[in-house]
């Protein structure tokens, strides 16, 4: 899927989320960054549609979400997962 245009406010918000990760996101990023996991490229805090995905591997159409207390709304999680799956991603 070709990249979609991203609103500047969403891009700025994703950038701020990269600067201030949760502890769980920081730990997982340490393991994923720089192709440390089987030479697979991941990006973090990536705008996808109206959501910002925690970790994205575009080559494998894979998104990894770290759901903690900031994601206490299961309706939000279901809506997010449905949209990401509709865009062709597997969501973990």
PDB file of N, CA and C in Angstrom:
ATOM      1  N   UNK A   1       0.847  -1.178   0.000  1.00  0.00           N
ATOM      2  CA  UNK A   1       0.000   0.000   0.000  1.00  0.00           C
ATOM      3  C   UNK A   1       0.891   1.239   0.000  1.00  0.00           C
ATOM      4  N   UNK A   2       0.644   2.170  -0.932  1.00  0.00           N
ATOM      5  CA  UNK A   2       1.463   3.381  -0.984  1.00  0.00           C
ATOM      6  C   UNK A   2       1.228   4.257   0.243  1.00  0.00           C
ATOM      7  N   UNK A   3       2.240   5.023   0.631  1.00  0.00           N
ATOM      8  CA  UNK A   3       2.068   5.921   1.781  1.00  0.00           C
ATOM      9  C   UNK A   3       0.942   6.917   1.536  1.00  0.00           C
ATOM     10  N   UNK A   4       0.212   7.211   2.580  1.00  0.00           N
ATOM     11  CA  UNK A   4      -0.884   8.176   2.512  1.00  0.00           C
ATOM     12  C   UNK A   4      -0.403   9.502   3.113  1.00  0.00           C
ATOM     13  N   UNK A   5      -0.934  10.628   2.620  1.00  0.00           N
ATOM     14  CA  UNK A   5      -0.564  11.910   3.214  1.00  0.00           C
ATOM     15  C   UNK A   5      -0.980  11.955   4.688  1.00  0.00           C
ATOM     16  N   UNK A   6      -0.142  12.572   5.495  1.00  0.00           N
ATOM     17  CA  UNK A   6      -0.405  12.665   6.933  1.00  0.00           C
ATOM     18  C   UNK A   6      -0.513  14.139   7.308  1.00  0.00           C
ATOM     19  N   UNK A   7      -1.566  14.465   8.046  1.00  0.00           N
ATOM     20  CA  UNK A   7      -1.752  15.844   8.507  1.00  0.00           C
ATOM     21  C   UNK A   7      -0.571  16.247   9.392  1.00  0.00           C
ATOM     22  N   UNK A   8      -0.102  17.479   9.258  1.00  0.00           N
ATOM     23  CA  UNK A   8       1.032  17.926  10.075  1.00  0.00           C
ATOM     24  C   UNK A   8       0.805  17.746  11.575  1.00  0.00           C
ATOM     25  N   UNK A   9      -0.423  17.951  12.052  1.00  0.00           N
ATOM     26  CA  UNK A   9      -0.671  17.793  13.491  1.00  0.00           C
ATOM     27  C   UNK A   9      -0.499  16.340  13.918  1.00  0.00           C
ATOM     28  N   UNK A  10      -0.941  15.397  13.077  1.00  0.00           N
ATOM     29  CA  UNK A  10      -0.785  13.976  13.408  1.00  0.00           C
ATOM     30  C   UNK A  10       0.695  13.585  13.357  1.00  0.00           C
ATOM     31  N   UNK A  11       1.410  14.098  12.366  1.00  0.00           N
ATOM     32  CA  UNK A  11       2.840  13.809  12.251  1.00  0.00           C
ATOM     33  C   UNK A  11       3.588  14.348  13.474  1.00  0.00           C
ATOM     34  N   UNK A  12       3.243  15.557  13.900  1.00  0.00           N
ATOM     35  CA  UNK A  12       3.884  16.144  15.079  1.00  0.00           C
ATOM     36  C   UNK A  12       3.555  15.355  16.339  1.00  0.00           C
ATOM     37  N   UNK A  13       2.300  14.892  16.444  1.00  0.00           N
ATOM     38  CA  UNK A  13       1.908  14.104  17.615  1.00  0.00           C
ATOM     39  C   UNK A  13       2.670  12.780  17.640  1.00  0.00           C
ATOM     40  N   UNK A  14       2.799  12.125  16.496  1.00  0.00           N
ATOM     41  CA  UNK A  14       3.558  10.870  16.426  1.00  0.00           C
ATOM     42  C   UNK A  14       5.012  11.117  16.823  1.00  0.00           C
ATOM     43  N   UNK A  15       5.569  12.220  16.372  1.00  0.00           N
ATOM     44  CA  UNK A  15       6.950  12.560  16.718  1.00  0.00           C
ATOM     45  C   UNK A  15       7.091  12.750  18.228  1.00  0.00           C
ATOM     46  N   UNK A  16       6.123  13.421  18.852  1.00  0.00           N
ATOM     47  CA  UNK A  16       6.196  13.624  20.307  1.00  0.00           C
ATOM     48  C   UNK A  16       6.053  12.296  21.049  1.00  0.00           C
ATOM     49  N   UNK A  17       5.248  11.382  20.502  1.00  0.00           N
ATOM     50  CA  UNK A  17       5.107  10.066  21.132  1.00  0.00           C
ATOM     51  C   UNK A  17       6.411   9.269  21.027  1.00  0.00           C
ATOM     52  N   UNK A  18       7.161   9.457  19.951  1.00  0.00           N
ATOM     53  CA  UNK A  18       8.460   8.783  19.829  1.00  0.00           C
ATOM     54  C   UNK A  18       9.442   9.322  20.857  1.00  0.00           C
ATOM     55  N   UNK A  19       9.323  10.610  21.161  1.00  0.00           N
ATOM     56  CA  UNK A  19      10.231  11.215  22.141  1.00  0.00           C
ATOM     57  C   UNK A  19       9.915  10.818  23.573  1.00  0.00           C
ATOM     58  N   UNK A  20       8.651  10.440  23.844  1.00  0.00           N
ATOM     59  CA  UNK A  20       8.232  10.113  25.206  1.00  0.00           C
ATOM     60  C   UNK A  20       7.517   8.764  25.245  1.00  0.00           C
ATOM     61  N   UNK A  21       8.244   7.671  24.974  1.00  0.00           N
ATOM     62  CA  UNK A  21       7.591   6.355  24.963  1.00  0.00           C
ATOM     63  C   UNK A  21       7.263   5.886  26.373  1.00  0.00           C
ATOM     64  N   UNK A  22       6.299   4.965  26.452  1.00  0.00           N
ATOM     65  CA  UNK A  22       6.050   4.312  27.733  1.00  0.00           C
ATOM     66  C   UNK A  22       7.228   3.381  28.006  1.00  0.00           C
ATOM     67  N   UNK A  23       7.331   2.897  29.225  1.00  0.00           N
ATOM     68  CA  UNK A  23       8.422   1.980  29.558  1.00  0.00           C
ATOM     69  C   UNK A  23       8.354   0.721  28.692  1.00  0.00           C
ATOM     70  N   UNK A  24       7.153   0.184  28.503  1.00  0.00           N
ATOM     71  CA  UNK A  24       6.997  -1.028  27.689  1.00  0.00           C
ATOM     72  C   UNK A  24       7.401  -0.764  26.239  1.00  0.00           C
ATOM     73  N   UNK A  25       6.997   0.376  25.683  1.00  0.00           N
ATOM     74  CA  UNK A  25       7.369   0.715  24.308  1.00  0.00           C
ATOM     75  C   UNK A  25       8.878   0.879  24.184  1.00  0.00           C
ATOM     76  N   UNK A  26       9.486   1.505  25.170  1.00  0.00           N
ATOM     77  CA  UNK A  26      10.928   1.720  25.156  1.00  0.00           C
ATOM     78  C   UNK A  26      11.674   0.385  25.181  1.00  0.00           C
ATOM     79  N   UNK A  27      11.211  -0.534  26.006  1.00  0.00           N
ATOM     80  CA  UNK A  27      11.868  -1.853  26.088  1.00  0.00           C
ATOM     81  C   UNK A  27      11.741  -2.628  24.783  1.00  0.00           C
ATOM     82  N   UNK A  28      10.539  -2.625  24.206  1.00  0.00           N
ATOM     83  CA  UNK A  28      10.358  -3.349  22.953  1.00  0.00           C
ATOM     84  C   UNK A  28      11.156  -2.688  21.837  1.00  0.00           C
ATOM     85  N   UNK A  29      11.176  -1.368  21.785  1.00  0.00           N
ATOM     86  CA  UNK A  29      11.930  -0.668  20.753  1.00  0.00           C
ATOM     87  C   UNK A  29      13.416  -1.013  20.836  1.00  0.00           C
ATOM     88  N   UNK A  30      13.931  -1.170  22.038  1.00  0.00           N
ATOM     89  CA  UNK A  30      15.337  -1.557  22.214  1.00  0.00           C
ATOM     90  C   UNK A  30      15.622  -2.879  21.500  1.00  0.00           C
ATOM     91  N   UNK A  31      14.656  -3.792  21.500  1.00  0.00           N
ATOM     92  CA  UNK A  31      14.829  -5.100  20.856  1.00  0.00           C
ATOM     93  C   UNK A  31      14.581  -5.057  19.349  1.00  0.00           C
ATOM     94  N   UNK A  32      13.759  -4.121  18.881  1.00  0.00           N
ATOM     95  CA  UNK A  32      13.373  -4.085  17.468  1.00  0.00           C
ATOM     96  C   UNK A  32      14.229  -3.148  16.618  1.00  0.00           C
ATOM     97  N   UNK A  33      14.750  -2.099  17.217  1.00  0.00           N
ATOM     98  CA  UNK A  33      15.424  -1.063  16.438  1.00  0.00           C
ATOM     99  C   UNK A  33      16.669  -1.591  15.727  1.00  0.00           C
ATOM    100  N   UNK A  34      17.007  -0.946  14.651  1.00  0.00           N
ATOM    101  CA  UNK A  34      18.220  -1.308  13.923  1.00  0.00           C
ATOM    102  C   UNK A  34      18.205  -2.715  13.359  1.00  0.00           C
ATOM    103  N   UNK A  35      17.013  -3.231  13.057  1.00  0.00           N
ATOM    104  CA  UNK A  35      16.858  -4.579  12.481  1.00  0.00           C
ATOM    105  C   UNK A  35      17.449  -5.669  13.374  1.00  0.00           C
ATOM    106  N   UNK A  36      17.366  -5.482  14.680  1.00  0.00           N
ATOM    107  CA  UNK A  36      17.921  -6.461  15.622  1.00  0.00           C
ATOM    108  C   UNK A  36      17.154  -7.774  15.649  1.00  0.00           C
ATOM    109  N   UNK A  37      15.894  -7.752  15.267  1.00  0.00           N
ATOM    110  CA  UNK A  37      15.078  -8.965  15.276  1.00  0.00           C
ATOM    111  C   UNK A  37      15.065  -9.557  13.866  1.00  0.00           C
ATOM    112  N   UNK A  38      15.896 -10.539  13.633  1.00  0.00           N
ATOM    113  CA  UNK A  38      15.950 -11.238  12.338  1.00  0.00           C
ATOM    114  C   UNK A  38      16.083 -10.298  11.146  1.00  0.00           C
ATOM    115  N   UNK A  39      16.767  -9.161  11.347  1.00  0.00           N
ATOM    116  CA  UNK A  39      17.004  -8.186  10.281  1.00  0.00           C
ATOM    117  C   UNK A  39      15.721  -7.604   9.693  1.00  0.00           C
ATOM    118  N   UNK A  40      14.648  -7.610  10.493  1.00  0.00           N
ATOM    119  CA  UNK A  40      13.359  -7.068  10.070  1.00  0.00           C
ATOM    120  C   UNK A  40      13.295  -5.595  10.471  1.00  0.00           C
ATOM    121  N   UNK A  41      12.866  -4.749   9.536  1.00  0.00           N
ATOM    122  CA  UNK A  41      12.781  -3.313   9.819  1.00  0.00           C
ATOM    123  C   UNK A  41      11.435  -2.967  10.447  1.00  0.00           C
ATOM    124  N   UNK A  42      11.505  -2.341  11.610  1.00  0.00           N
ATOM    125  CA  UNK A  42      10.323  -1.801  12.277  1.00  0.00           C
ATOM    126  C   UNK A  42      10.476  -0.292  12.392  1.00  0.00           C
ATOM    127  N   UNK A  43       9.350   0.399  12.353  1.00  0.00           N
ATOM    128  CA  UNK A  43       9.291   1.823  12.661  1.00  0.00           C
ATOM    129  C   UNK A  43       8.356   1.971  13.852  1.00  0.00           C
ATOM    130  N   UNK A  44       8.521   3.039  14.615  1.00  0.00           N
ATOM    131  CA  UNK A  44       7.662   3.220  15.797  1.00  0.00           C
ATOM    132  C   UNK A  44       6.835   4.485  15.677  1.00  0.00           C
ATOM    133  N   UNK A  45       5.661   4.420  16.313  1.00  0.00           N
ATOM    134  CA  UNK A  45       4.713   5.544  16.343  1.00  0.00           C
ATOM    135  C   UNK A  45       4.478   6.081  14.926  1.00  0.00           C
ATOM    136  N   UNK A  46       3.859   5.229  14.109  1.00  0.00           N
ATOM    137  CA  UNK A  46       3.641   5.531  12.695  1.00  0.00           C
ATOM    138  C   UNK A  46       2.162   5.852  12.454  1.00  0.00           C
ATOM    139  N   UNK A  47       1.852   7.016  11.878  1.00  0.00           N
ATOM    140  CA  UNK A  47       0.459   7.303  11.526  1.00  0.00           C
ATOM    141  C   UNK A  47      -0.038   6.327  10.454  1.00  0.00           C
ATOM    142  N   UNK A  48      -1.172   5.678  10.748  1.00  0.00           N
ATOM    143  CA  UNK A  48      -1.831   4.776   9.799  1.00  0.00           C
ATOM    144  C   UNK A  48      -3.315   5.121   9.860  1.00  0.00           C
ATOM    145  N   UNK A  49      -3.819   5.746   8.812  1.00  0.00           N
ATOM    146  CA  UNK A  49      -5.207   6.200   8.849  1.00  0.00           C
ATOM    147  C   UNK A  49      -5.374   7.222   9.958  1.00  0.00           C
ATOM    148  N   UNK A  50      -6.426   7.046  10.758  1.00  0.00           N
ATOM    149  CA  UNK A  50      -6.651   8.012  11.845  1.00  0.00           C
ATOM    150  C   UNK A  50      -5.964   7.602  13.143  1.00  0.00           C
ATOM    151  N   UNK A  51      -5.187   6.528  13.093  1.00  0.00           N
ATOM    152  CA  UNK A  51      -4.508   6.026  14.285  1.00  0.00           C
ATOM    153  C   UNK A  51      -2.999   6.178  14.155  1.00  0.00           C
ATOM    154  N   UNK A  52      -2.315   6.046  15.290  1.00  0.00           N
ATOM    155  CA  UNK A  52      -0.860   6.001  15.304  1.00  0.00           C
ATOM    156  C   UNK A  52      -0.485   4.638  15.856  1.00  0.00           C
ATOM    157  N   UNK A  53       0.123   3.819  15.008  1.00  0.00           N
ATOM    158  CA  UNK A  53       0.501   2.459  15.399  1.00  0.00           C
ATOM    159  C   UNK A  53       1.807   2.499  16.180  1.00  0.00           C
ATOM    160  N   UNK A  54       1.890   1.679  17.230  1.00  0.00           N
ATOM    161  CA  UNK A  54       3.096   1.663  18.061  1.00  0.00           C
ATOM    162  C   UNK A  54       4.321   1.220  17.267  1.00  0.00           C
ATOM    163  N   UNK A  55       4.250   0.052  16.628  1.00  0.00           N
ATOM    164  CA  UNK A  55       5.377  -0.483  15.861  1.00  0.00           C
ATOM    165  C   UNK A  55       4.851  -1.069  14.555  1.00  0.00           C
ATOM    166  N   UNK A  56       5.496  -0.715  13.450  1.00  0.00           N
ATOM    167  CA  UNK A  56       5.041  -1.170  12.133  1.00  0.00           C
ATOM    168  C   UNK A  56       6.202  -1.806  11.380  1.00  0.00           C
ATOM    169  N   UNK A  57       5.948  -2.999  10.852  1.00  0.00           N
ATOM    170  CA  UNK A  57       6.847  -3.626   9.895  1.00  0.00           C
ATOM    171  C   UNK A  57       6.086  -3.665   8.577  1.00  0.00           C
ATOM    172  N   UNK A  58       6.353  -2.694   7.712  1.00  0.00           N
ATOM    173  CA  UNK A  58       5.622  -2.576   6.451  1.00  0.00           C
ATOM    174  C   UNK A  58       5.873  -3.778   5.549  1.00  0.00           C
ATOM    175  N   UNK A  59       7.106  -4.292   5.548  1.00  0.00           N
ATOM    176  CA  UNK A  59       7.455  -5.421   4.683  1.00  0.00           C
ATOM    177  C   UNK A  59       6.596  -6.642   4.968  1.00  0.00           C
ATOM    178  N   UNK A  60       6.235  -6.847   6.220  1.00  0.00           N
ATOM    179  CA  UNK A  60       5.432  -8.009   6.619  1.00  0.00           C
ATOM    180  C   UNK A  60       3.974  -7.636   6.874  1.00  0.00           C
ATOM    181  N   UNK A  61       3.602  -6.393   6.626  1.00  0.00           N
ATOM    182  CA  UNK A  61       2.240  -5.905   6.913  1.00  0.00           C
ATOM    183  C   UNK A  61       1.836  -6.255   8.342  1.00  0.00           C
ATOM    184  N   UNK A  62       2.738  -5.959   9.270  1.00  0.00           N
ATOM    185  CA  UNK A  62       2.558  -6.320  10.675  1.00  0.00           C
ATOM    186  C   UNK A  62       2.612  -5.077  11.551  1.00  0.00           C
ATOM    187  N   UNK A  63       1.669  -4.997  12.491  1.00  0.00           N
ATOM    188  CA  UNK A  63       1.655  -3.923  13.482  1.00  0.00           C
ATOM    189  C   UNK A  63       1.638  -4.558  14.859  1.00  0.00           C
ATOM    190  N   UNK A  64       2.502  -4.055  15.743  1.00  0.00           N
ATOM    191  CA  UNK A  64       2.530  -4.504  17.131  1.00  0.00           C
ATOM    192  C   UNK A  64       2.048  -3.342  17.986  1.00  0.00           C
ATOM    193  N   UNK A  65       0.999  -3.591  18.759  1.00  0.00           N
ATOM    194  CA  UNK A  65       0.445  -2.576  19.654  1.00  0.00           C
ATOM    195  C   UNK A  65       0.734  -2.970  21.093  1.00  0.00           C
ATOM    196  N   UNK A  66       1.201  -2.022  21.868  1.00  0.00           N
ATOM    197  CA  UNK A  66       1.429  -2.215  23.299  1.00  0.00           C
ATOM    198  C   UNK A  66       0.267  -1.533  24.005  1.00  0.00           C
ATOM    199  N   UNK A  67      -0.705  -2.316  24.452  1.00  0.00           N
ATOM    200  CA  UNK A  67      -1.885  -1.758  25.112  1.00  0.00           C
ATOM    201  C   UNK A  67      -1.684  -1.779  26.619  1.00  0.00           C
ATOM    202  N   UNK A  68      -1.555  -0.601  27.192  1.00  0.00           N
ATOM    203  CA  UNK A  68      -1.418  -0.472  28.634  1.00  0.00           C
ATOM    204  C   UNK A  68      -2.544   0.383  29.168  1.00  0.00           C
ATOM    205  N   UNK A  69      -2.306   1.048  30.271  1.00  0.00           N
ATOM    206  CA  UNK A  69      -3.352   1.859  30.895  1.00  0.00           C
ATOM    207  C   UNK A  69      -3.793   3.012  29.996  1.00  0.00           C
ATOM    208  N   UNK A  70      -2.912   3.468  29.100  1.00  0.00           N
ATOM    209  CA  UNK A  70      -3.299   4.550  28.192  1.00  0.00           C
ATOM    210  C   UNK A  70      -4.301   4.071  27.160  1.00  0.00           C
ATOM    211  N   UNK A  71      -4.489   2.744  27.041  1.00  0.00           N
ATOM    212  CA  UNK A  71      -5.455   2.164  26.107  1.00  0.00           C
ATOM    213  C   UNK A  71      -6.531   1.421  26.888  1.00  0.00           C
ATOM    214  N   UNK A  72      -7.097   2.053  27.880  1.00  0.00           N
ATOM    215  CA  UNK A  72      -8.081   1.382  28.734  1.00  0.00           C
ATOM    216  C   UNK A  72      -9.427   1.203  28.043  1.00  0.00           C
ATOM    217  N   UNK A  73      -9.619   1.809  26.897  1.00  0.00           N
ATOM    218  CA  UNK A  73     -10.898   1.749  26.188  1.00  0.00           C
ATOM    219  C   UNK A  73     -10.875   0.618  25.167  1.00  0.00           C
ATOM    220  N   UNK A  74     -11.532  -0.498  25.487  1.00  0.00           N
ATOM    221  CA  UNK A  74     -11.509  -1.647  24.584  1.00  0.00           C
ATOM    222  C   UNK A  74     -12.273  -1.365  23.292  1.00  0.00           C
ATOM    223  N   UNK A  75     -13.260  -0.454  23.313  1.00  0.00           N
ATOM    224  CA  UNK A  75     -13.942  -0.073  22.075  1.00  0.00           C
ATOM    225  C   UNK A  75     -12.968   0.607  21.119  1.00  0.00           C
ATOM    226  N   UNK A  76     -12.121   1.457  21.658  1.00  0.00           N
ATOM    227  CA  UNK A  76     -11.089   2.122  20.855  1.00  0.00           C
ATOM    228  C   UNK A  76     -10.159   1.077  20.243  1.00  0.00           C
ATOM    229  N   UNK A  77      -9.727   0.118  21.067  1.00  0.00           N
ATOM    230  CA  UNK A  77      -8.824  -0.928  20.579  1.00  0.00           C
ATOM    231  C   UNK A  77      -9.470  -1.729  19.455  1.00  0.00           C
ATOM    232  N   UNK A  78     -10.741  -2.078  19.603  1.00  0.00           N
ATOM    233  CA  UNK A  78     -11.440  -2.842  18.559  1.00  0.00           C
ATOM    234  C   UNK A  78     -11.556  -2.029  17.272  1.00  0.00           C
ATOM    235  N   UNK A  79     -11.905  -0.755  17.410  1.00  0.00           N
ATOM    236  CA  UNK A  79     -12.023   0.110  16.231  1.00  0.00           C
ATOM    237  C   UNK A  79     -10.669   0.247  15.532  1.00  0.00           C
ATOM    238  N   UNK A  80      -9.630   0.477  16.317  1.00  0.00           N
ATOM    239  CA  UNK A  80      -8.274   0.613  15.765  1.00  0.00           C
ATOM    240  C   UNK A  80      -7.862  -0.665  15.042  1.00  0.00           C
ATOM    241  N   UNK A  81      -8.026  -1.807  15.710  1.00  0.00           N
ATOM    242  CA  UNK A  81      -7.626  -3.079  15.104  1.00  0.00           C
ATOM    243  C   UNK A  81      -8.400  -3.353  13.821  1.00  0.00           C
ATOM    244  N   UNK A  82      -9.701  -3.046  13.805  1.00  0.00           N
ATOM    245  CA  UNK A  82     -10.522  -3.275  12.610  1.00  0.00           C
ATOM    246  C   UNK A  82     -10.025  -2.422  11.444  1.00  0.00           C
ATOM    247  N   UNK A  83      -9.715  -1.146  11.706  1.00  0.00           N
ATOM    248  CA  UNK A  83      -9.232  -0.288  10.619  1.00  0.00           C
ATOM    249  C   UNK A  83      -7.874  -0.751  10.121  1.00  0.00           C
ATOM    250  N   UNK A  84      -6.988  -1.107  11.032  1.00  0.00           N
ATOM    251  CA  UNK A  84      -5.654  -1.546  10.615  1.00  0.00           C
ATOM    252  C   UNK A  84      -5.733  -2.844   9.813  1.00  0.00           C
ATOM    253  N   UNK A  85      -6.607  -3.757  10.238  1.00  0.00           N
ATOM    254  CA  UNK A  85      -6.791  -5.009   9.487  1.00  0.00           C
ATOM    255  C   UNK A  85      -7.396  -4.736   8.120  1.00  0.00           C
ATOM    256  N   UNK A  86      -8.335  -3.791   8.042  1.00  0.00           N
ATOM    257  CA  UNK A  86      -8.941  -3.429   6.758  1.00  0.00           C
ATOM    258  C   UNK A  86      -7.898  -2.849   5.802  1.00  0.00           C
ATOM    259  N   UNK A  87      -6.845  -2.284   6.348  1.00  0.00           N
ATOM    260  CA  UNK A  87      -5.757  -1.744   5.529  1.00  0.00           C
ATOM    261  C   UNK A  87      -4.722  -2.818   5.187  1.00  0.00           C
ATOM    262  N   UNK A  88      -4.985  -4.071   5.598  1.00  0.00           N
ATOM    263  CA  UNK A  88      -4.119  -5.179   5.211  1.00  0.00           C
ATOM    264  C   UNK A  88      -3.055  -5.565   6.216  1.00  0.00           C
ATOM    265  N   UNK A  89      -3.117  -5.020   7.431  1.00  0.00           N
ATOM    266  CA  UNK A  89      -2.126  -5.345   8.454  1.00  0.00           C
ATOM    267  C   UNK A  89      -2.613  -6.468   9.362  1.00  0.00           C
ATOM    268  N   UNK A  90      -1.680  -7.269   9.841  1.00  0.00           N
ATOM    269  CA  UNK A  90      -1.949  -8.160  10.972  1.00  0.00           C
ATOM    270  C   UNK A  90      -1.608  -7.345  12.210  1.00  0.00           C
ATOM    271  N   UNK A  91      -2.429  -7.454  13.237  1.00  0.00           N
ATOM    272  CA  UNK A  91      -2.222  -6.658  14.448  1.00  0.00           C
ATOM    273  C   UNK A  91      -1.979  -7.591  15.622  1.00  0.00           C
ATOM    274  N   UNK A  92      -0.864  -7.385  16.294  1.00  0.00           N
ATOM    275  CA  UNK A  92      -0.553  -8.137  17.518  1.00  0.00           C
ATOM    276  C   UNK A  92      -0.661  -7.193  18.693  1.00  0.00           C
TER     277      UNK A  92
END
